[in-house]
Amino acid sequence: MPLPKPYPPSPITYAHWNDLVDHYAGKAGTKIVSADGKGDYAEIQDAVDWVRGQGYSKGCIIVRGGVGDYVLDDTIDVDEIKEFSLLGMGMPTIRLPDDFNKNVLELDGTGEEIYTHVTVAGIRIEGNRLNQSKGGGILLENLGQSWITNCVLRDIHDFLLKITSTAGAVKVLDNFFLGSYGYLLEVESTDNEIAGNYFGYTDLDGVYIHGANNRVVNNHCWAARDGIRVEADQSIILNNKVERVNRHGINVYRSVYCSIVGNSCQYNGQGGEGDGIHLEGAADRYCERNTVTGNNCFGNQGYGVREAEYTMRNVVLANSCWNNTLGATSFWDGASREDWTQRAFNSPDEEALPLEALASDLLPAEDLTFDLGSPSKQFYYGYIYWLINSGYAQFTYIKSNLTPQAGTFDLGESSYRWRDLWLGRHCYLGRVESLPTASAEYRGALVRVEGGEGEADHLYLCVKNAQEGYEWVMIQ
C-alpha cells in the first residue's frame, strides 16, 4: 500500500523517498530465502512464484548464505517480472545434483517486451558436469540494461553464462567463470560490457563474442581453446590478460573495425602452435580495418601477432612481441600491395636496430612482390636495408647487399635499373666505402660513406652544378 507523506525523519533523501513511494510501494515484492527455514521461503523458486503470483512488475529475492546449500530439482525460471533482482547475502551456494540436465537460471522477458534492470549478484552456482549430459548456467533472453556481478559459476556442462541475440546492454562484472565443456561466456548480442572477470578451464573458448559493439575489458583468461574469440565487428578488446590456452590468446575471425589494445598474451599454444594475437578472414569475408596496438605478446608457441589468410588493411603498430617460438610477427601478402596492413615498430625477437626493426615489420622477411606501376617483379634481397621513396608506396624498405650503381645491378634473377623501380629519389644509409660517379641517375640521392677506424662517417648529396654537371656535396 502507498507509504504516507510527509517524509519521515531519516537519512533517506527526498529524491529516493519519492522514487520509493511512486514506483515501488505496493508494486514490488521482496522475499528472503533461507535454507534453514528461517526466511520467508526455503526454496528460491517458491519466492519467485510468490512475486509473480502477486502480479508485481518488480521483485527482489534475497538468498541467505551460510545456512546450507540450495539444491535444485528444476530450472529457476523468472518471467513476467520486468525488474527482478536475485541477491546473495553471504555468497549462498546453488548446487546441482547429479543428472541435472537443465539450465540453472533463465531470465527472460516475454519476447514482445524487453525487460530491464534485472540483477543477479553475489550467488555461487556449483555444477557437476561429469554427471551431466547437458544443461547450462545462466541464460539471458529478451533483457536489456541488466547486471551479472560478483558471482561464481563453475563446473556446468554446456555453458556458464549465455547472452542471447535478444538481450543486450548487459554488464558482466567481477565474476569467476570456472569449468565447462562449452563456452564459459557466449555473447550473441550487441552493446554489452564484460569486465573484471576470471575465465578458466573449458574445452571451448573462454569468451566467445559473436555480436557487434561489445567491450571486453580487464579480464583474465586461461586454460581454454582460445582465450577470447571474436567473430563480430567493432569489438573492443582492452587490457586483458590471456595465458596458457591451447590455441590463440586472442582470435579475431572475419571481423572489421575491432580494437585490440593493451592486452597481455603469454605462453599460449599449449596444445601445439598458437599465437598471442591471431587475425584471420575467409574468402567470403576478410578480416580487415582492425587496430592491434600496444599489446605485450611473449612466450607463445606461434607468433606474437599473426595475420593469417584473408586479412588486409589492418593497423598493427607498436606491439612488444618477444620470445615467441615462430617469431614476432607474420603477415599475409595475398592481398594487393595497396591493401597490405600498415605495420611498424613491433619489437621483433633478437632485433636491436630501429631501422631494421621498422623494415622487417613493414614488409615480410621472405620474397616480396612489388607492384610499382609496371608488371610485378619478384625479388630476393640479401643483407642491408634500403630506404626508398618509390612513388607508389610512401616508404618501402628493400633489403639488399648491393651498393647503388649508375647503370644496372643484379637482384638475383636479372638486372634492373633504378628507374625501372621508379626510384626518382632514394636514400641509402647502408655501408658504402666510396661514392659512385655522380650523374643524373643519382640526382637528389643521399648516401652515407662509412669512415674507417678513427675516421668519421660523412653524408653526401648528389646535385647538379652550374656547369650542367653533377657532383657529390658533403653535408656532414
Protein backbone atom coordinates (compact mmCIF):
# COMPACT_ATOMS: atom_id res chain seq x y z
CA MET A 1 0.00 0.00 0.00
CA PRO A 2 1.22 3.56 -0.58
CA LEU A 3 3.57 4.95 2.02
CA PRO A 4 2.34 8.01 3.89
CA LYS A 5 3.64 11.51 3.37
CA PRO A 6 5.10 13.86 4.61
CA TYR A 7 8.58 12.41 4.61
CA PRO A 8 9.94 10.56 7.63
CA PRO A 9 12.86 11.94 9.63
CA SER A 10 15.56 9.61 8.21
CA PRO A 11 18.81 9.80 6.23
CA ILE A 12 16.98 8.93 3.01
CA THR A 13 16.88 11.79 0.51
CA TYR A 14 13.69 13.30 -0.80
CA ALA A 15 14.55 12.04 -4.30
CA HIS A 16 15.00 8.47 -3.06
CA TRP A 17 11.85 8.66 -0.99
CA ASN A 18 9.85 9.91 -3.96
CA ASP A 19 11.19 7.06 -6.07
CA LEU A 20 10.27 4.53 -3.38
CA VAL A 21 6.78 5.93 -2.89
CA ASP A 22 5.92 6.49 -6.53
CA HIS A 23 7.41 3.38 -8.09
CA TYR A 24 7.83 0.59 -5.57
CA ALA A 25 5.33 0.90 -2.73
CA GLY A 26 2.61 -1.65 -3.32
CA LYS A 27 4.18 -2.62 -6.67
CA ALA A 28 7.25 -4.66 -5.74
CA GLY A 29 7.74 -7.78 -3.71
CA THR A 30 10.75 -8.65 -1.60
CA LYS A 31 11.23 -12.07 -0.04
CA ILE A 32 14.06 -13.65 1.93
CA VAL A 33 15.06 -17.23 1.16
CA SER A 34 16.93 -19.19 3.81
CA ALA A 35 17.83 -22.87 3.52
CA ASP A 36 17.36 -23.36 7.27
CA GLY A 37 13.68 -22.41 7.03
CA LYS A 38 14.07 -19.14 8.93
CA GLY A 39 13.25 -16.90 5.99
CA ASP A 40 10.05 -16.35 4.04
CA TYR A 41 10.85 -19.42 1.95
CA ALA A 42 13.39 -22.22 1.91
CA GLU A 43 13.46 -22.57 -1.91
CA ILE A 44 14.31 -19.85 -4.40
CA GLN A 45 11.65 -20.83 -6.94
CA ASP A 46 8.91 -20.62 -4.30
CA ALA A 47 9.84 -16.99 -3.63
CA VAL A 48 9.92 -16.21 -7.38
CA ASP A 49 6.49 -17.80 -7.80
CA TRP A 50 5.09 -15.70 -4.95
CA VAL A 51 6.31 -12.45 -6.57
CA ARG A 52 4.83 -13.47 -9.91
CA GLY A 53 1.60 -14.61 -8.28
CA GLN A 54 1.11 -11.24 -6.65
CA GLY A 55 1.25 -9.59 -10.08
CA TYR A 56 4.21 -7.44 -9.14
CA SER A 57 6.18 -5.93 -12.02
CA LYS A 58 9.25 -5.69 -9.78
CA GLY A 59 10.67 -8.19 -7.35
CA CYS A 60 13.71 -8.81 -5.19
CA ILE A 61 14.70 -12.21 -3.81
CA ILE A 62 17.40 -12.14 -1.13
CA VAL A 63 19.11 -15.50 -0.62
CA ARG A 64 20.98 -16.14 2.62
CA GLY A 65 24.31 -17.93 2.63
CA GLY A 66 26.00 -19.93 5.34
CA VAL A 67 22.84 -21.83 6.25
CA GLY A 68 23.12 -24.74 3.82
CA ASP A 69 23.14 -25.22 0.05
CA TYR A 70 20.18 -24.73 -2.24
CA VAL A 71 19.87 -27.96 -4.23
CA LEU A 72 17.78 -27.64 -7.38
CA ASP A 73 15.36 -30.12 -8.87
CA ASP A 74 14.33 -27.82 -11.73
CA THR A 75 15.35 -24.62 -13.55
CA ILE A 76 14.78 -21.37 -11.67
CA ASP A 77 12.53 -19.68 -14.22
CA VAL A 78 11.97 -15.95 -13.89
CA ASP A 79 9.48 -14.49 -16.34
CA GLU A 80 6.71 -11.89 -16.19
CA ILE A 81 8.73 -9.91 -13.63
CA LYS A 82 10.08 -6.94 -15.54
CA GLU A 83 12.62 -5.72 -12.99
CA PHE A 84 13.95 -8.63 -10.99
CA SER A 85 16.86 -8.97 -8.57
CA LEU A 86 18.37 -12.16 -7.19
CA LEU A 87 20.79 -11.08 -4.49
CA GLY A 88 23.01 -13.25 -2.39
CA MET A 89 23.80 -12.36 1.19
CA GLY A 90 26.91 -14.20 2.39
CA MET A 91 27.56 -15.89 -1.01
CA PRO A 92 24.88 -18.61 -0.94
CA THR A 93 25.56 -21.77 -2.99
CA ILE A 94 23.11 -23.17 -5.52
CA ARG A 95 24.20 -26.77 -6.02
CA LEU A 96 23.20 -29.03 -8.90
CA PRO A 97 22.50 -32.68 -8.17
CA ASP A 98 23.83 -35.46 -10.39
CA ASP A 99 21.98 -35.79 -13.71
CA PHE A 100 20.62 -32.26 -13.50
CA ASN A 101 20.45 -31.78 -17.27
CA LYS A 102 18.81 -28.36 -17.39
CA ASN A 103 19.77 -24.71 -17.26
CA VAL A 104 20.16 -23.38 -13.75
CA LEU A 105 18.61 -19.94 -14.14
CA GLU A 106 16.62 -18.50 -17.04
CA LEU A 107 15.99 -14.77 -17.03
CA ASP A 108 13.83 -13.65 -19.92
CA GLY A 109 11.18 -11.20 -20.94
CA THR A 110 8.08 -12.11 -22.87
CA GLY A 111 9.58 -11.89 -26.34
CA GLU A 112 7.28 -8.96 -27.07
CA GLU A 113 8.84 -6.70 -24.45
CA ILE A 114 12.47 -6.31 -23.41
CA TYR A 115 12.72 -6.43 -19.63
CA THR A 116 15.29 -4.17 -17.99
CA HIS A 117 17.09 -3.69 -14.70
CA VAL A 118 17.50 -7.38 -13.95
CA THR A 119 20.28 -8.11 -11.46
CA VAL A 120 21.99 -11.29 -10.29
CA ALA A 121 24.64 -10.60 -7.68
CA GLY A 122 26.60 -12.47 -5.04
CA ILE A 123 25.47 -16.00 -5.98
CA ARG A 124 27.61 -19.16 -6.28
CA ILE A 125 26.43 -21.92 -8.64
CA GLU A 126 28.22 -25.27 -8.34
CA GLY A 127 27.55 -27.87 -11.02
CA ASN A 128 28.75 -31.40 -11.67
CA ARG A 129 29.49 -31.62 -15.38
CA LEU A 130 30.94 -35.12 -15.11
CA ASN A 131 27.46 -36.39 -14.25
CA GLN A 132 25.56 -34.10 -16.61
CA SER A 133 24.73 -34.86 -20.24
CA LYS A 134 23.54 -31.32 -20.98
CA GLY A 135 22.39 -28.16 -19.26
CA GLY A 136 23.83 -24.72 -18.77
CA GLY A 137 24.24 -22.00 -16.19
CA ILE A 138 22.54 -18.60 -16.58
CA LEU A 139 20.63 -17.87 -19.78
CA LEU A 140 19.60 -14.29 -20.59
CA GLU A 141 16.87 -13.63 -23.18
CA ASN A 142 14.82 -10.54 -24.02
CA LEU A 143 16.72 -8.45 -21.49
CA GLY A 144 18.48 -5.10 -21.54
CA GLN A 145 20.27 -2.79 -19.08
CA SER A 146 20.95 -5.61 -16.64
CA TRP A 147 23.78 -6.87 -14.44
CA ILE A 148 25.51 -10.15 -13.60
CA THR A 149 28.05 -9.31 -10.94
CA ASN A 150 30.15 -10.80 -8.14
CA CYS A 151 29.03 -14.36 -8.86
CA VAL A 152 30.88 -17.67 -9.06
CA LEU A 153 29.77 -20.15 -11.74
CA ARG A 154 31.63 -23.40 -12.07
CA ASP A 155 31.59 -26.91 -13.45
CA ILE A 156 28.42 -26.78 -15.58
CA HIS A 157 28.10 -28.87 -18.75
CA ASP A 158 27.01 -26.70 -21.72
CA PHE A 159 27.93 -23.13 -20.75
CA LEU A 160 28.23 -20.89 -17.71
CA LEU A 161 26.63 -17.68 -18.99
CA LYS A 162 24.93 -17.07 -22.33
CA ILE A 163 23.60 -13.73 -23.51
CA THR A 164 21.37 -14.45 -26.49
CA SER A 165 20.74 -12.30 -29.55
CA THR A 166 17.55 -10.93 -27.98
CA ALA A 167 19.38 -9.49 -24.96
CA GLY A 168 21.76 -6.55 -24.86
CA ALA A 169 23.33 -3.75 -22.83
CA VAL A 170 24.20 -6.26 -20.11
CA LYS A 171 27.11 -5.67 -17.75
CA VAL A 172 29.02 -8.79 -16.67
CA LEU A 173 31.30 -7.56 -13.91
CA ASP A 174 33.75 -9.14 -11.45
CA ASN A 175 32.68 -12.78 -11.70
CA PHE A 176 34.50 -16.11 -11.68
CA PHE A 177 33.66 -18.48 -14.56
CA LEU A 178 35.41 -21.81 -13.97
CA GLY A 179 34.85 -25.12 -15.71
CA SER A 180 32.62 -26.25 -18.59
CA TYR A 181 32.66 -28.38 -21.71
CA GLY A 182 31.24 -25.40 -23.62
CA TYR A 183 31.87 -21.67 -23.69
CA LEU A 184 32.38 -20.06 -20.31
CA LEU A 185 30.72 -16.91 -21.66
CA GLU A 186 28.95 -16.68 -25.01
CA VAL A 187 27.66 -13.31 -26.22
CA GLU A 188 25.40 -13.24 -29.29
CA SER A 189 24.05 -9.73 -28.79
CA THR A 190 25.30 -6.15 -29.01
CA ASP A 191 26.47 -3.42 -26.66
CA ASN A 192 27.45 -5.50 -23.65
CA GLU A 193 30.35 -4.91 -21.28
CA ILE A 194 32.47 -7.80 -19.97
CA ALA A 195 34.88 -6.50 -17.35
CA GLY A 196 36.97 -7.68 -14.43
CA ASN A 197 36.11 -11.39 -14.73
CA TYR A 198 38.15 -14.58 -14.44
CA PHE A 199 37.68 -17.31 -17.07
CA GLY A 200 39.30 -20.73 -16.90
CA TYR A 201 39.02 -24.46 -17.60
CA THR A 202 36.94 -25.23 -20.67
CA ASP A 203 37.19 -27.38 -23.79
CA LEU A 204 35.99 -24.46 -25.93
CA ASP A 205 36.72 -20.73 -25.68
CA GLY A 206 36.82 -18.70 -22.50
CA VAL A 207 34.94 -15.76 -24.04
CA TYR A 208 33.16 -16.13 -27.40
CA ILE A 209 31.82 -12.90 -28.88
CA HIS A 210 29.65 -13.03 -31.99
CA GLY A 211 27.60 -9.87 -31.53
CA ALA A 212 28.82 -6.41 -32.55
CA ASN A 213 29.87 -3.48 -30.37
CA ASN A 214 30.86 -5.42 -27.27
CA ARG A 215 33.57 -4.37 -24.83
CA VAL A 216 35.83 -6.98 -23.21
CA VAL A 217 37.99 -5.19 -20.67
CA ASN A 218 40.38 -6.15 -17.85
CA ASN A 219 39.58 -9.85 -17.77
CA HIS A 220 41.90 -12.80 -17.05
CA CYS A 221 41.57 -15.92 -19.25
CA TRP A 222 43.46 -19.19 -19.09
CA ALA A 223 43.09 -22.95 -19.75
CA ALA A 224 40.72 -22.75 -22.74
CA ARG A 225 40.85 -23.36 -26.50
CA ASP A 226 41.07 -19.66 -27.42
CA GLY A 227 41.15 -17.24 -24.53
CA ILE A 228 38.98 -14.65 -26.29
CA ARG A 229 37.44 -15.39 -29.69
CA VAL A 230 35.79 -12.58 -31.65
CA GLU A 231 33.54 -13.04 -34.67
CA ALA A 232 31.91 -9.63 -34.52
CA ASP A 233 32.50 -6.12 -35.83
CA GLN A 234 33.50 -3.10 -33.76
CA SER A 235 34.51 -5.09 -30.71
CA ILE A 236 36.85 -3.55 -28.15
CA ILE A 237 39.30 -5.99 -26.55
CA LEU A 238 41.22 -3.96 -23.99
CA ASN A 239 43.74 -4.67 -21.21
CA ASN A 240 43.02 -8.37 -20.83
CA LYS A 241 45.49 -10.98 -19.69
CA VAL A 242 45.31 -14.23 -21.66
CA GLU A 243 47.72 -17.02 -20.83
CA ARG A 244 48.35 -20.73 -21.31
CA VAL A 245 45.41 -21.51 -23.55
CA ASN A 246 45.59 -24.38 -26.03
CA ARG A 247 45.44 -22.27 -29.19
CA HIS A 248 45.41 -18.48 -29.62
CA GLY A 249 45.29 -15.92 -26.84
CA ILE A 250 43.00 -13.57 -28.79
CA ASN A 251 41.49 -14.86 -32.04
CA VAL A 252 39.75 -12.34 -34.33
CA TYR A 253 37.93 -14.02 -37.22
CA ARG A 254 36.06 -12.43 -40.15
CA SER A 255 35.69 -9.17 -38.24
CA VAL A 256 36.16 -5.48 -39.08
CA TYR A 257 36.74 -2.27 -37.12
CA CYS A 258 37.80 -4.04 -33.92
CA SER A 259 40.30 -2.57 -31.45
CA ILE A 260 42.72 -4.96 -29.75
CA VAL A 261 44.71 -2.77 -27.41
CA GLY A 262 46.94 -3.17 -24.37
CA ASN A 263 46.45 -6.89 -23.83
CA SER A 264 48.99 -9.32 -22.36
CA CYS A 265 49.06 -12.63 -24.26
CA GLN A 266 51.63 -15.05 -22.91
CA TYR A 267 52.56 -18.73 -23.17
CA ASN A 268 49.63 -19.56 -25.43
CA GLY A 269 49.59 -22.51 -27.83
CA GLN A 270 49.78 -25.13 -25.09
CA GLY A 271 48.09 -27.63 -27.41
CA GLY A 272 50.68 -27.02 -30.15
CA GLU A 273 51.17 -23.98 -32.34
CA GLY A 274 49.23 -20.92 -31.18
CA ASP A 275 49.68 -17.16 -31.47
CA GLY A 276 49.38 -14.40 -28.93
CA ILE A 277 47.02 -12.47 -31.22
CA HIS A 278 45.66 -14.13 -34.36
CA LEU A 279 43.71 -12.41 -37.15
CA GLU A 280 42.11 -14.45 -39.92
CA GLY A 281 39.39 -14.00 -42.51
CA ALA A 282 37.68 -16.11 -45.13
CA ALA A 283 37.20 -15.83 -48.87
CA ASP A 284 33.65 -14.54 -48.36
CA ARG A 285 34.62 -12.00 -45.68
CA TYR A 286 38.04 -10.60 -44.97
CA CYS A 287 39.33 -9.69 -41.53
CA GLU A 288 40.20 -6.06 -42.12
CA ARG A 289 40.39 -2.49 -40.79
CA ASN A 290 41.16 -3.68 -37.27
CA THR A 291 43.66 -1.99 -34.96
CA VAL A 292 46.18 -4.04 -32.98
CA THR A 293 48.43 -1.86 -30.84
CA GLY A 294 50.22 -1.68 -27.52
CA ASN A 295 49.92 -5.39 -26.80
CA ASN A 296 52.52 -7.49 -25.00
CA CYS A 297 52.87 -10.94 -26.60
CA PHE A 298 55.61 -13.23 -25.36
CA GLY A 299 56.39 -16.90 -24.93
CA ASN A 300 53.69 -18.06 -27.36
CA GLN A 301 54.21 -21.25 -29.38
CA GLY A 302 53.40 -19.48 -32.66
CA TYR A 303 53.89 -15.78 -33.43
CA GLY A 304 53.36 -12.82 -31.18
CA VAL A 305 50.94 -11.28 -33.70
CA ARG A 306 49.93 -13.15 -36.85
CA GLU A 307 47.78 -12.19 -39.78
CA ALA A 308 46.69 -15.44 -41.40
CA GLU A 309 44.78 -15.76 -44.66
CA TYR A 310 42.30 -13.20 -45.98
CA THR A 311 43.47 -10.25 -43.90
CA MET A 312 44.19 -6.74 -45.11
CA ARG A 313 44.05 -3.02 -44.27
CA ASN A 314 44.62 -3.60 -40.57
CA VAL A 315 46.91 -1.48 -38.42
CA VAL A 316 49.44 -3.46 -36.38
CA LEU A 317 51.54 -0.92 -34.53
CA ALA A 318 53.91 -0.79 -31.57
CA ASN A 319 53.37 -4.21 -30.05
CA SER A 320 56.00 -5.88 -27.89
CA CYS A 321 56.50 -9.42 -29.21
CA TRP A 322 59.36 -11.32 -27.60
CA ASN A 323 60.47 -14.93 -27.27
CA ASN A 324 57.70 -16.37 -29.41
CA THR A 325 58.60 -19.71 -30.99
CA LEU A 326 57.94 -18.79 -34.65
CA GLY A 327 58.81 -15.11 -34.37
CA ALA A 328 57.46 -11.71 -33.51
CA THR A 329 55.02 -11.09 -36.36
CA SER A 330 53.73 -12.70 -39.55
CA PHE A 331 51.64 -11.03 -42.25
CA TRP A 332 49.61 -12.35 -45.17
CA ASP A 333 50.68 -10.93 -48.52
CA GLY A 334 47.84 -12.39 -50.57
CA ALA A 335 46.11 -9.01 -50.89
CA SER A 336 47.26 -6.42 -53.42
CA ARG A 337 50.13 -4.21 -52.24
CA GLU A 338 47.97 -1.15 -51.61
CA ASP A 339 45.75 -3.25 -49.32
CA TRP A 340 48.56 -4.58 -47.15
CA THR A 341 48.28 -3.99 -43.46
CA GLN A 342 50.14 -0.99 -42.05
CA ARG A 343 52.65 -2.34 -39.57
CA ALA A 344 55.59 -0.80 -37.78
CA PHE A 345 57.54 -0.73 -34.53
CA ASN A 346 56.53 -4.20 -33.41
CA SER A 347 59.53 -5.33 -31.39
CA PRO A 348 60.89 -8.48 -33.08
CA ASP A 349 62.82 -11.22 -31.32
CA GLU A 350 66.54 -10.54 -31.10
CA GLU A 351 66.17 -7.32 -33.11
CA ALA A 352 68.13 -4.30 -31.96
CA LEU A 353 68.44 -1.82 -34.82
CA PRO A 354 65.45 0.54 -35.11
CA LEU A 355 65.82 0.80 -38.91
CA GLU A 356 65.89 -2.95 -39.36
CA ALA A 357 63.07 -3.42 -36.85
CA LEU A 358 60.91 -0.99 -38.79
CA ALA A 359 61.80 -2.54 -42.13
CA SER A 360 61.21 -6.13 -41.09
CA ASP A 361 57.74 -5.22 -39.84
CA LEU A 362 56.72 -3.10 -42.81
CA LEU A 363 57.39 -5.97 -45.18
CA PRO A 364 57.62 -9.74 -44.69
CA ALA A 365 61.05 -11.28 -44.43
CA GLU A 366 60.52 -13.75 -47.29
CA ASP A 367 60.48 -12.98 -51.03
CA LEU A 368 58.41 -9.91 -51.84
CA THR A 369 56.34 -8.92 -54.84
CA PHE A 370 56.17 -5.18 -55.52
CA ASP A 371 53.54 -3.66 -57.77
CA LEU A 372 55.27 -0.43 -58.79
CA GLY A 373 53.09 0.54 -61.72
CA SER A 374 54.67 -1.88 -64.17
CA PRO A 375 54.37 -5.69 -64.25
CA SER A 376 55.15 -7.13 -60.83
CA LYS A 377 58.67 -8.40 -60.27
CA GLN A 378 59.63 -10.79 -57.53
CA PHE A 379 62.99 -10.18 -55.90
CA TYR A 380 65.09 -11.79 -53.24
CA TYR A 381 67.16 -9.45 -51.13
CA GLY A 382 70.27 -10.00 -49.10
CA TYR A 383 71.57 -8.24 -46.05
CA ILE A 384 71.18 -4.44 -45.97
CA TYR A 385 68.03 -2.34 -45.83
CA TRP A 386 67.46 0.32 -48.48
CA LEU A 387 65.02 3.12 -47.71
CA ILE A 388 63.21 4.02 -50.92
CA ASN A 389 60.58 6.57 -51.84
CA SER A 390 59.11 4.59 -54.70
CA GLY A 391 56.36 6.98 -55.71
CA TYR A 392 53.87 4.12 -55.44
CA ALA A 393 54.12 3.45 -51.72
CA GLN A 394 55.15 6.32 -49.50
CA PHE A 395 58.03 4.40 -47.95
CA THR A 396 59.35 0.98 -48.87
CA TYR A 397 62.25 -0.90 -47.37
CA ILE A 398 64.30 -3.11 -49.66
CA LYS A 399 66.81 -5.46 -48.09
CA SER A 400 69.95 -5.77 -50.26
CA ASN A 401 73.70 -6.27 -50.07
CA LEU A 402 74.26 -4.15 -53.16
CA THR A 403 75.81 -0.69 -53.49
CA PRO A 404 73.83 1.58 -55.86
CA GLN A 405 75.41 2.00 -59.29
CA ALA A 406 74.60 4.43 -62.05
CA GLY A 407 73.84 1.68 -64.53
CA THR A 408 72.33 -1.65 -63.63
CA PHE A 409 72.74 -4.15 -60.80
CA ASP A 410 71.81 -7.77 -60.27
CA LEU A 411 68.91 -8.66 -57.97
CA GLY A 412 69.38 -12.39 -58.36
CA GLU A 413 67.17 -13.15 -61.35
CA SER A 414 68.01 -10.40 -63.86
CA SER A 415 69.30 -6.84 -63.99
CA TYR A 416 67.18 -3.76 -63.39
CA ARG A 417 67.99 -0.07 -63.45
CA TRP A 418 66.95 2.08 -60.50
CA ARG A 419 64.50 3.98 -62.70
CA ASP A 420 62.83 0.67 -63.55
CA LEU A 421 61.79 0.64 -59.91
CA TRP A 422 60.56 4.23 -60.03
CA LEU A 423 63.47 5.49 -57.96
CA GLY A 424 63.47 9.16 -58.86
CA ARG A 425 64.79 9.84 -55.33
CA HIS A 426 66.41 7.40 -52.94
CA CYS A 427 68.30 7.40 -49.71
CA TYR A 428 70.97 4.82 -48.97
CA LEU A 429 72.03 4.55 -45.34
CA GLY A 430 73.80 1.21 -45.55
CA ARG A 431 77.54 0.68 -45.68
CA VAL A 432 79.34 2.44 -48.59
CA GLU A 433 83.12 2.85 -48.53
CA SER A 434 83.33 5.02 -51.65
CA LEU A 435 80.94 7.11 -53.73
CA PRO A 436 79.78 6.07 -57.20
CA THR A 437 80.33 8.52 -60.02
CA ALA A 438 77.94 11.45 -59.75
CA SER A 439 75.37 11.55 -62.55
CA ALA A 440 71.78 12.44 -63.32
CA GLU A 441 70.88 8.96 -62.13
CA TYR A 442 71.87 9.95 -58.56
CA ARG A 443 70.50 13.50 -58.57
CA GLY A 444 68.91 14.04 -55.15
CA ALA A 445 70.41 10.89 -53.68
CA LEU A 446 71.66 10.93 -50.08
CA VAL A 447 74.49 8.48 -49.34
CA ARG A 448 76.46 7.77 -46.19
CA VAL A 449 80.14 6.92 -46.68
CA GLU A 450 81.39 4.93 -43.73
CA GLY A 451 84.70 6.04 -42.29
CA GLY A 452 87.45 3.62 -41.40
CA GLU A 453 88.96 3.15 -37.98
CA GLY A 454 89.45 6.53 -36.39
CA GLU A 455 87.56 8.29 -39.19
CA ALA A 456 84.10 9.87 -39.15
CA ASP A 457 81.22 8.92 -41.40
CA HIS A 458 80.11 11.52 -43.96
CA LEU A 459 76.81 12.23 -45.70
CA TYR A 460 76.82 13.26 -49.37
CA LEU A 461 74.08 14.69 -51.57
CA CYS A 462 74.23 14.43 -55.36
CA VAL A 463 73.34 17.75 -57.02
CA LYS A 464 73.58 19.41 -60.47
CA ASN A 465 76.07 22.31 -60.64
CA ALA A 466 76.01 25.49 -62.74
CA GLN A 467 78.12 23.83 -65.44
CA GLU A 468 75.35 21.28 -66.05
CA GLY A 469 77.43 18.58 -64.48
CA TYR A 470 76.83 16.53 -61.33
CA GLU A 471 78.79 16.30 -58.12
CA TRP A 472 78.60 14.92 -54.61
CA VAL A 473 78.38 17.62 -51.94
CA MET A 474 79.35 16.66 -48.38
CA ILE A 475 76.69 17.86 -45.94
CA GLN A 476 78.24 16.38 -42.82
